[in-house]
Protein backbone atom coordinates (compact mmCIF):
# COMPACT_ATOMS: atom_id res chain seq x y z
CA MET A 1 -2.73 9.07 6.01
CA LYS A 2 0.64 9.01 4.29
CA LEU A 3 3.77 7.82 6.12
CA VAL A 4 7.33 7.81 4.81
CA THR A 5 10.40 6.33 6.47
CA LYS A 6 13.73 4.77 5.61
CA VAL A 7 15.00 1.37 6.70
CA ARG A 8 18.30 -0.48 6.36
CA VAL A 9 18.26 -3.98 4.87
CA LYS A 10 19.91 -6.43 7.29
CA ASN A 11 19.56 -9.64 5.28
CA ASP A 12 22.88 -11.07 4.07
CA LEU A 13 21.58 -11.45 0.51
CA GLY A 14 19.54 -8.24 0.48
CA LEU A 15 15.93 -8.29 -0.69
CA HIS A 16 16.07 -11.59 -2.56
CA THR A 17 13.15 -13.91 -3.34
CA ARG A 18 12.39 -15.07 0.21
CA PRO A 19 12.11 -11.63 1.85
CA ALA A 20 10.31 -10.25 -1.21
CA THR A 21 7.74 -13.04 -0.92
CA SER A 22 7.38 -12.37 2.81
CA ILE A 23 6.71 -8.70 2.13
CA VAL A 24 4.04 -9.47 -0.47
CA LYS A 25 2.32 -11.99 1.85
CA LEU A 26 2.43 -9.47 4.69
CA LEU A 27 0.80 -6.82 2.49
CA GLN A 28 -1.75 -8.96 0.71
CA HIS A 29 -4.64 -7.95 3.00
CA VAL A 30 -3.75 -4.33 3.71
CA LYS A 31 -5.72 -1.52 2.14
CA SER A 32 -2.90 1.01 1.94
CA ASP A 33 -0.69 1.54 -1.08
CA VAL A 34 2.91 0.62 -0.28
CA LEU A 35 5.90 1.78 -2.31
CA PHE A 36 9.61 1.02 -1.96
CA THR A 37 12.15 3.47 -3.35
CA TYR A 38 15.79 2.56 -3.91
CA LYS A 39 18.30 4.47 -6.04
CA ARG A 40 15.59 6.73 -7.49
CA GLU A 41 13.50 3.72 -8.58
CA THR A 42 10.04 3.41 -6.99
CA VAL A 43 8.04 0.19 -7.13
CA ASN A 44 4.82 -1.31 -5.79
CA ALA A 45 5.80 -3.34 -2.70
CA LYS A 46 2.88 -5.71 -3.26
CA SER A 47 4.70 -7.27 -6.24
CA VAL A 48 7.53 -9.80 -5.81
CA LEU A 49 8.95 -9.04 -9.26
CA SER A 50 8.92 -5.30 -8.62
CA ILE A 51 10.81 -5.73 -5.35
CA LEU A 52 13.35 -8.05 -7.00
CA MET A 53 13.89 -5.54 -9.83
CA LEU A 54 15.25 -3.06 -7.28
CA ALA A 55 18.20 -5.42 -6.59
CA VAL A 56 18.57 -4.15 -3.02
CA HIS A 57 21.72 -5.44 -1.32
CA LYS A 58 22.65 -5.85 2.35
CA ASN A 59 23.02 -2.59 4.31
CA ALA A 60 21.23 -0.61 1.60
CA THR A 61 18.66 1.98 2.66
CA VAL A 62 15.15 1.67 1.25
CA GLN A 63 12.50 4.37 1.53
CA ILE A 64 9.07 3.02 2.42
CA THR A 65 5.93 5.01 1.62
CA VAL A 66 2.58 3.84 2.96
CA ASP A 67 -0.58 5.72 2.00
CA GLY A 68 -4.03 4.72 3.20
CA ASP A 69 -6.45 4.26 6.07
CA ASP A 70 -4.38 1.53 7.73
CA ALA A 71 -1.00 3.21 7.13
CA GLU A 72 0.18 3.19 10.75
CA ASP A 73 -0.51 -0.50 11.28
CA THR A 74 0.92 -1.40 7.87
CA MET A 75 4.11 0.58 8.45
CA ALA A 76 4.58 -1.06 11.85
CA LYS A 77 4.26 -4.52 10.29
CA ILE A 78 6.76 -3.69 7.55
CA LEU A 79 9.32 -2.21 9.94
CA ASN A 80 9.00 -5.22 12.23
CA ALA A 81 9.63 -7.56 9.29
CA PHE A 82 12.76 -5.63 8.25
CA GLU A 83 13.99 -5.54 11.85
CA ASN A 84 13.57 -9.31 12.20
CA LYS A 85 15.25 -9.98 8.83
CA PHE A 86 12.04 -11.60 7.54
CA GLY A 87 12.61 -14.61 9.77
CA GLU A 88 15.98 -15.51 8.27
């Protein structure tokens, strides 16, 4: 199953090292492919460096694409993490 949604980044410093690391840890055991798209650049969300290369700032909108058998559960986890500002 493929799911696509958009989310606003609430973190004051955007998607810097700490949230990027949280995302990768969150996704390390999921089977689905997860992509983040920002300003026409699409990257693998299971890579800290790829997420950092996007240079996403506060209040920016990121498109999240999840494709795989556990897509619904994975998307829910990602959206929850964004909503809770990755624990910051």
